PDB file of all heavy atoms in Angstrom:
ATOM      1  N   PRO A   1       8.075 -42.402 -81.775  1.00  0.00           N
ATOM      2  CA  PRO A   1       8.256 -41.492 -80.646  1.00  0.00           C
ATOM      3  C   PRO A   1       9.681 -41.548 -80.109  1.00  0.00           C
ATOM      4  O   PRO A   1      10.318 -42.606 -80.105  1.00  0.00           O
ATOM      5  CB  PRO A   1       7.254 -42.019 -79.618  1.00  0.00           C
ATOM      6  CG  PRO A   1       7.145 -43.478 -79.920  1.00  0.00           C
ATOM      7  CD  PRO A   1       7.295 -43.598 -81.413  1.00  0.00           C
ATOM      8  N   GLY A   2      10.149 -40.395 -79.640  1.00  0.00           N
ATOM      9  CA  GLY A   2      11.504 -40.310 -79.107  1.00  0.00           C
ATOM     10  C   GLY A   2      11.548 -39.709 -77.722  1.00  0.00           C
ATOM     11  O   GLY A   2      10.699 -39.989 -76.881  1.00  0.00           O
ATOM     12  N   ALA A   3      12.539 -38.854 -77.503  1.00  0.00           N
ATOM     13  CA  ALA A   3      12.836 -38.345 -76.170  1.00  0.00           C
ATOM     14  C   ALA A   3      11.713 -37.468 -75.624  1.00  0.00           C
ATOM     15  O   ALA A   3      11.177 -36.619 -76.334  1.00  0.00           O
ATOM     16  CB  ALA A   3      14.144 -37.559 -76.192  1.00  0.00           C
ATOM     17  N   ALA A   4      11.403 -37.675 -74.346  1.00  0.00           N
ATOM     18  CA  ALA A   4      10.387 -36.881 -73.662  1.00  0.00           C
ATOM     19  C   ALA A   4      10.995 -35.784 -72.805  1.00  0.00           C
ATOM     20  O   ALA A   4      10.263 -34.949 -72.251  1.00  0.00           O
ATOM     21  CB  ALA A   4       9.512 -37.787 -72.794  1.00  0.00           C
ATOM     22  N   GLU A   5      12.323 -35.753 -72.689  1.00  0.00           N
ATOM     23  CA  GLU A   5      13.019 -34.742 -71.894  1.00  0.00           C
ATOM     24  C   GLU A   5      14.444 -34.614 -72.403  1.00  0.00           C
ATOM     25  O   GLU A   5      14.936 -35.508 -73.114  1.00  0.00           O
ATOM     26  CB  GLU A   5      13.007 -35.126 -70.412  1.00  0.00           C
ATOM     27  CG  GLU A   5      13.667 -36.451 -70.124  1.00  0.00           C
ATOM     28  CD  GLU A   5      13.514 -36.860 -68.666  1.00  0.00           C
ATOM     29  OE1 GLU A   5      12.749 -36.210 -67.946  1.00  0.00           O
ATOM     30  OE2 GLU A   5      14.169 -37.838 -68.274  1.00  0.00           O
ATOM     31  N   PRO A   6      15.129 -33.520 -72.068  1.00  0.00           N
ATOM     32  CA  PRO A   6      16.491 -33.343 -72.563  1.00  0.00           C
ATOM     33  C   PRO A   6      17.470 -34.322 -71.917  1.00  0.00           C
ATOM     34  O   PRO A   6      17.167 -34.949 -70.891  1.00  0.00           O
ATOM     35  CB  PRO A   6      16.827 -31.900 -72.178  1.00  0.00           C
ATOM     36  CG  PRO A   6      15.919 -31.584 -71.041  1.00  0.00           C
ATOM     37  CD  PRO A   6      14.662 -32.365 -71.279  1.00  0.00           C
ATOM     38  N   LEU A   7      18.644 -34.440 -72.516  1.00  0.00           N
ATOM     39  CA  LEU A   7      19.703 -35.224 -71.906  1.00  0.00           C
ATOM     40  C   LEU A   7      20.115 -34.593 -70.581  1.00  0.00           C
ATOM     41  O   LEU A   7      20.053 -33.367 -70.423  1.00  0.00           O
ATOM     42  CB  LEU A   7      20.927 -35.273 -72.824  1.00  0.00           C
ATOM     43  CG  LEU A   7      20.735 -35.879 -74.215  1.00  0.00           C
ATOM     44  CD1 LEU A   7      22.063 -35.871 -74.964  1.00  0.00           C
ATOM     45  CD2 LEU A   7      20.154 -37.276 -74.141  1.00  0.00           C
ATOM     46  N   PRO A   8      20.555 -35.389 -69.607  1.00  0.00           N
ATOM     47  CA  PRO A   8      21.100 -34.801 -68.376  1.00  0.00           C
ATOM     48  C   PRO A   8      22.309 -33.940 -68.700  1.00  0.00           C
ATOM     49  O   PRO A   8      23.036 -34.208 -69.671  1.00  0.00           O
ATOM     50  CB  PRO A   8      21.479 -36.019 -67.541  1.00  0.00           C
ATOM     51  CG  PRO A   8      21.640 -37.128 -68.517  1.00  0.00           C
ATOM     52  CD  PRO A   8      20.672 -36.849 -69.629  1.00  0.00           C
ATOM     53  N   ALA A   9      22.513 -32.900 -67.918  1.00  0.00           N
ATOM     54  CA  ALA A   9      23.607 -31.968 -68.200  1.00  0.00           C
ATOM     55  C   ALA A   9      24.971 -32.642 -68.129  1.00  0.00           C
ATOM     56  O   ALA A   9      25.916 -32.230 -68.801  1.00  0.00           O
ATOM     57  CB  ALA A   9      23.556 -30.792 -67.233  1.00  0.00           C
ATOM     58  N   ASP A  10      25.106 -33.678 -67.313  1.00  0.00           N
ATOM     59  CA  ASP A  10      26.344 -34.458 -67.252  1.00  0.00           C
ATOM     60  C   ASP A  10      25.995 -35.875 -66.821  1.00  0.00           C
ATOM     61  O   ASP A  10      24.848 -36.187 -66.537  1.00  0.00           O
ATOM     62  CB  ASP A  10      27.362 -33.817 -66.301  1.00  0.00           C
ATOM     63  CG  ASP A  10      26.766 -33.491 -64.941  1.00  0.00           C
ATOM     64  OD1 ASP A  10      25.930 -34.282 -64.433  1.00  0.00           O
ATOM     65  OD2 ASP A  10      27.128 -32.451 -64.364  1.00  0.00           O
ATOM     66  N   GLY A  11      27.002 -36.731 -66.805  1.00  0.00           N
ATOM     67  CA  GLY A  11      26.772 -38.108 -66.401  1.00  0.00           C
ATOM     68  C   GLY A  11      26.325 -38.989 -67.548  1.00  0.00           C
ATOM     69  O   GLY A  11      26.349 -38.601 -68.726  1.00  0.00           O
ATOM     70  N   ALA A  12      25.889 -40.194 -67.204  1.00  0.00           N
ATOM     71  CA  ALA A  12      25.517 -41.197 -68.206  1.00  0.00           C
ATOM     72  C   ALA A  12      24.310 -40.753 -69.012  1.00  0.00           C
ATOM     73  O   ALA A  12      23.405 -40.082 -68.498  1.00  0.00           O
ATOM     74  CB  ALA A  12      25.231 -42.527 -67.511  1.00  0.00           C
ATOM     75  N   LEU A  13      24.283 -41.170 -70.268  1.00  0.00           N
ATOM     76  CA  LEU A  13      23.164 -40.863 -71.147  1.00  0.00           C
ATOM     77  C   LEU A  13      22.147 -41.996 -71.116  1.00  0.00           C
ATOM     78  O   LEU A  13      22.495 -43.162 -70.905  1.00  0.00           O
ATOM     79  CB  LEU A  13      23.647 -40.649 -72.574  1.00  0.00           C
ATOM     80  CG  LEU A  13      24.577 -39.458 -72.800  1.00  0.00           C
ATOM     81  CD1 LEU A  13      24.925 -39.353 -74.273  1.00  0.00           C
ATOM     82  CD2 LEU A  13      23.945 -38.172 -72.316  1.00  0.00           C
ATOM     83  N   PRO A  14      20.884 -41.678 -71.344  1.00  0.00           N
ATOM     84  CA  PRO A  14      19.869 -42.738 -71.393  1.00  0.00           C
ATOM     85  C   PRO A  14      20.065 -43.643 -72.602  1.00  0.00           C
ATOM     86  O   PRO A  14      20.815 -43.322 -73.530  1.00  0.00           O
ATOM     87  CB  PRO A  14      18.551 -41.957 -71.490  1.00  0.00           C
ATOM     88  CG  PRO A  14      18.921 -40.613 -71.997  1.00  0.00           C
ATOM     89  CD  PRO A  14      20.311 -40.343 -71.518  1.00  0.00           C
ATOM     90  N   VAL A  15      19.376 -44.780 -72.570  1.00  0.00           N
ATOM     91  CA  VAL A  15      19.452 -45.716 -73.699  1.00  0.00           C
ATOM     92  C   VAL A  15      18.788 -45.093 -74.923  1.00  0.00           C
ATOM     93  O   VAL A  15      18.008 -44.133 -74.811  1.00  0.00           O
ATOM     94  CB  VAL A  15      18.763 -47.056 -73.346  1.00  0.00           C
ATOM     95  CG1 VAL A  15      19.462 -47.712 -72.174  1.00  0.00           C
ATOM     96  CG2 VAL A  15      17.285 -46.843 -73.048  1.00  0.00           C
ATOM     97  N   ALA A  16      19.105 -45.659 -76.072  1.00  0.00           N
ATOM     98  CA  ALA A  16      18.471 -45.198 -77.309  1.00  0.00           C
ATOM     99  C   ALA A  16      16.978 -45.495 -77.263  1.00  0.00           C
ATOM    100  O   ALA A  16      16.539 -46.474 -76.660  1.00  0.00           O
ATOM    101  CB  ALA A  16      19.112 -45.869 -78.506  1.00  0.00           C
ATOM    102  N   ASN A  17      16.196 -44.628 -77.896  1.00  0.00           N
ATOM    103  CA  ASN A  17      14.737 -44.788 -77.905  1.00  0.00           C
ATOM    104  C   ASN A  17      14.256 -45.253 -79.284  1.00  0.00           C
ATOM    105  O   ASN A  17      15.049 -45.488 -80.200  1.00  0.00           O
ATOM    106  CB  ASN A  17      14.064 -43.477 -77.481  1.00  0.00           C
ATOM    107  CG  ASN A  17      14.491 -42.308 -78.344  1.00  0.00           C
ATOM    108  OD1 ASN A  17      14.519 -42.400 -79.567  1.00  0.00           O
ATOM    109  ND2 ASN A  17      14.847 -41.185 -77.709  1.00  0.00           N
ATOM    110  N   GLU A  18      12.933 -45.370 -79.419  1.00  0.00           N
ATOM    111  CA  GLU A  18      12.362 -45.872 -80.672  1.00  0.00           C
ATOM    112  C   GLU A  18      12.685 -44.966 -81.855  1.00  0.00           C
ATOM    113  O   GLU A  18      12.940 -45.444 -82.969  1.00  0.00           O
ATOM    114  CB  GLU A  18      10.849 -46.023 -80.502  1.00  0.00           C
ATOM    115  CG  GLU A  18      10.152 -46.704 -81.651  1.00  0.00           C
ATOM    116  CD  GLU A  18       8.668 -46.905 -81.399  1.00  0.00           C
ATOM    117  OE1 GLU A  18       8.258 -47.018 -80.231  1.00  0.00           O
ATOM    118  OE2 GLU A  18       7.920 -46.955 -82.392  1.00  0.00           O
ATOM    119  N   ALA A  19      12.675 -43.650 -81.625  1.00  0.00           N
ATOM    120  CA  ALA A  19      12.998 -42.718 -82.700  1.00  0.00           C
ATOM    121  C   ALA A  19      14.426 -42.916 -83.186  1.00  0.00           C
ATOM    122  O   ALA A  19      14.695 -42.933 -84.404  1.00  0.00           O
ATOM    123  CB  ALA A  19      12.793 -41.278 -82.224  1.00  0.00           C
ATOM    124  N   VAL A  20      15.364 -43.059 -82.269  1.00  0.00           N
ATOM    125  CA  VAL A  20      16.761 -43.269 -82.637  1.00  0.00           C
ATOM    126  C   VAL A  20      16.912 -44.560 -83.439  1.00  0.00           C
ATOM    127  O   VAL A  20      17.593 -44.592 -84.471  1.00  0.00           O
ATOM    128  CB  VAL A  20      17.649 -43.294 -81.378  1.00  0.00           C
ATOM    129  CG1 VAL A  20      19.077 -43.684 -81.733  1.00  0.00           C
ATOM    130  CG2 VAL A  20      17.622 -41.935 -80.684  1.00  0.00           C
ATOM    131  N   GLU A  21      16.268 -45.622 -82.992  1.00  0.00           N
ATOM    132  CA  GLU A  21      16.377 -46.893 -83.707  1.00  0.00           C
ATOM    133  C   GLU A  21      15.722 -46.821 -85.089  1.00  0.00           C
ATOM    134  O   GLU A  21      16.166 -47.482 -86.037  1.00  0.00           O
ATOM    135  CB  GLU A  21      15.777 -48.018 -82.868  1.00  0.00           C
ATOM    136  CG  GLU A  21      16.506 -48.256 -81.548  1.00  0.00           C
ATOM    137  CD  GLU A  21      18.007 -48.494 -81.708  1.00  0.00           C
ATOM    138  OE1 GLU A  21      18.433 -48.998 -82.772  1.00  0.00           O
ATOM    139  OE2 GLU A  21      18.762 -48.166 -80.770  1.00  0.00           O
ATOM    140  N   GLN A  22      14.678 -46.013 -85.223  1.00  0.00           N
ATOM    141  CA  GLN A  22      14.077 -45.811 -86.547  1.00  0.00           C
ATOM    142  C   GLN A  22      15.050 -45.084 -87.471  1.00  0.00           C
ATOM    143  O   GLN A  22      15.185 -45.436 -88.655  1.00  0.00           O
ATOM    144  CB  GLN A  22      12.778 -45.017 -86.427  1.00  0.00           C
ATOM    145  CG  GLN A  22      12.081 -44.736 -87.749  1.00  0.00           C
ATOM    146  CD  GLN A  22      11.639 -46.012 -88.440  1.00  0.00           C
ATOM    147  OE1 GLN A  22      10.774 -46.724 -87.954  1.00  0.00           O
ATOM    148  NE2 GLN A  22      12.258 -46.322 -89.574  1.00  0.00           N
ATOM    149  N   MET A  23      15.737 -44.071 -86.963  1.00  0.00           N
ATOM    150  CA  MET A  23      16.757 -43.395 -87.760  1.00  0.00           C
ATOM    151  C   MET A  23      17.819 -44.375 -88.222  1.00  0.00           C
ATOM    152  O   MET A  23      18.236 -44.378 -89.394  1.00  0.00           O
ATOM    153  CB  MET A  23      17.411 -42.274 -86.946  1.00  0.00           C
ATOM    154  CG  MET A  23      16.535 -41.083 -86.643  1.00  0.00           C
ATOM    155  SD  MET A  23      17.501 -39.850 -85.725  1.00  0.00           S
ATOM    156  CE  MET A  23      16.196 -38.768 -85.154  1.00  0.00           C
ATOM    157  N   VAL A  24      18.282 -45.233 -87.313  1.00  0.00           N
ATOM    158  CA  VAL A  24      19.320 -46.205 -87.647  1.00  0.00           C
ATOM    159  C   VAL A  24      18.820 -47.153 -88.738  1.00  0.00           C
ATOM    160  O   VAL A  24      19.546 -47.465 -89.688  1.00  0.00           O
ATOM    161  CB  VAL A  24      19.757 -46.979 -86.391  1.00  0.00           C
ATOM    162  CG1 VAL A  24      20.683 -48.138 -86.760  1.00  0.00           C
ATOM    163  CG2 VAL A  24      20.451 -46.043 -85.403  1.00  0.00           C
ATOM    164  N   ALA A  25      17.588 -47.614 -88.619  1.00  0.00           N
ATOM    165  CA  ALA A  25      17.038 -48.527 -89.617  1.00  0.00           C
ATOM    166  C   ALA A  25      17.008 -47.888 -90.999  1.00  0.00           C
ATOM    167  O   ALA A  25      17.348 -48.530 -92.009  1.00  0.00           O
ATOM    168  CB  ALA A  25      15.629 -48.962 -89.201  1.00  0.00           C
ATOM    169  N   VAL A  26      16.618 -46.619 -91.071  1.00  0.00           N
ATOM    170  CA  VAL A  26      16.604 -45.921 -92.363  1.00  0.00           C
ATOM    171  C   VAL A  26      18.018 -45.768 -92.900  1.00  0.00           C
ATOM    172  O   VAL A  26      18.297 -46.038 -94.081  1.00  0.00           O
ATOM    173  CB  VAL A  26      15.922 -44.543 -92.220  1.00  0.00           C
ATOM    174  CG1 VAL A  26      16.101 -43.724 -93.500  1.00  0.00           C
ATOM    175  CG2 VAL A  26      14.447 -44.695 -91.887  1.00  0.00           C
ATOM    176  N   LEU A  27      18.947 -45.351 -92.042  1.00  0.00           N
ATOM    177  CA  LEU A  27      20.314 -45.099 -92.480  1.00  0.00           C
ATOM    178  C   LEU A  27      21.035 -46.377 -92.902  1.00  0.00           C
ATOM    179  O   LEU A  27      21.942 -46.332 -93.742  1.00  0.00           O
ATOM    180  CB  LEU A  27      21.088 -44.385 -91.371  1.00  0.00           C
ATOM    181  CG  LEU A  27      20.635 -42.944 -91.106  1.00  0.00           C
ATOM    182  CD1 LEU A  27      21.201 -42.443 -89.789  1.00  0.00           C
ATOM    183  CD2 LEU A  27      21.059 -42.019 -92.250  1.00  0.00           C
ATOM    184  N   ARG A  28      20.659 -47.498 -92.346  1.00  0.00           N
ATOM    185  CA  ARG A  28      21.255 -48.756 -92.797  1.00  0.00           C
ATOM    186  C   ARG A  28      20.821 -49.107 -94.218  1.00  0.00           C
ATOM    187  O   ARG A  28      21.556 -49.773 -94.951  1.00  0.00           O
ATOM    188  CB  ARG A  28      20.884 -49.881 -91.829  1.00  0.00           C
ATOM    189  CG  ARG A  28      21.701 -49.844 -90.543  1.00  0.00           C
ATOM    190  CD  ARG A  28      21.322 -50.948 -89.588  1.00  0.00           C
ATOM    191  NE  ARG A  28      22.182 -50.908 -88.406  1.00  0.00           N
ATOM    192  CZ  ARG A  28      21.814 -51.316 -87.195  1.00  0.00           C
ATOM    193  NH1 ARG A  28      20.584 -51.797 -87.004  1.00  0.00           N
ATOM    194  NH2 ARG A  28      22.660 -51.245 -86.185  1.00  0.00           N
ATOM    195  N   ARG A  29      19.635 -48.649 -94.624  1.00  0.00           N
ATOM    196  CA  ARG A  29      19.142 -48.888 -95.974  1.00  0.00           C
ATOM    197  C   ARG A  29      19.774 -47.950 -96.982  1.00  0.00           C
ATOM    198  O   ARG A  29      20.045 -48.329 -98.118  1.00  0.00           O
ATOM    199  CB  ARG A  29      17.614 -48.720 -96.049  1.00  0.00           C
ATOM    200  CG  ARG A  29      16.809 -49.712 -95.268  1.00  0.00           C
ATOM    201  CD  ARG A  29      15.350 -49.679 -95.733  1.00  0.00           C
ATOM    202  NE  ARG A  29      14.754 -48.361 -95.680  1.00  0.00           N
ATOM    203  CZ  ARG A  29      14.031 -47.905 -94.662  1.00  0.00           C
ATOM    204  NH1 ARG A  29      13.843 -48.662 -93.591  1.00  0.00           N
ATOM    205  NH2 ARG A  29      13.498 -46.694 -94.712  1.00  0.00           N
ATOM    206  N   GLN A  30      19.958 -46.694 -96.577  1.00  0.00           N
ATOM    207  CA  GLN A  30      20.428 -45.680 -97.521  1.00  0.00           C
ATOM    208  C   GLN A  30      20.959 -44.471 -96.782  1.00  0.00           C
ATOM    209  O   GLN A  30      20.580 -44.194 -95.643  1.00  0.00           O
ATOM    210  CB  GLN A  30      19.282 -45.252 -98.435  1.00  0.00           C
ATOM    211  CG  GLN A  30      18.167 -44.522 -97.719  1.00  0.00           C
ATOM    212  CD  GLN A  30      17.022 -44.180 -98.635  1.00  0.00           C
ATOM    213  OE1 GLN A  30      15.965 -44.748 -98.533  1.00  0.00           O
ATOM    214  NE2 GLN A  30      17.249 -43.244 -99.554  1.00  0.00           N
ATOM    215  N   SER A  31      21.823 -43.741 -97.448  1.00  0.00           N
ATOM    216  CA  SER A  31      22.271 -42.465 -96.911  1.00  0.00           C
ATOM    217  C   SER A  31      21.111 -41.478 -96.950  1.00  0.00           C
ATOM    218  O   SER A  31      20.237 -41.562 -97.820  1.00  0.00           O
ATOM    219  CB  SER A  31      23.451 -41.929 -97.720  1.00  0.00           C
ATOM    220  OG  SER A  31      24.554 -42.801 -97.610  1.00  0.00           O
TER     221      SER A  31
END
């Protein structure tokens, strides 16, 4: 699961979520 709402229009971004970390894990294994 990932983001439940869009990024704020400006200002700080939220922390990475489970979906983002799953993408990173896959990309570390292979392109």
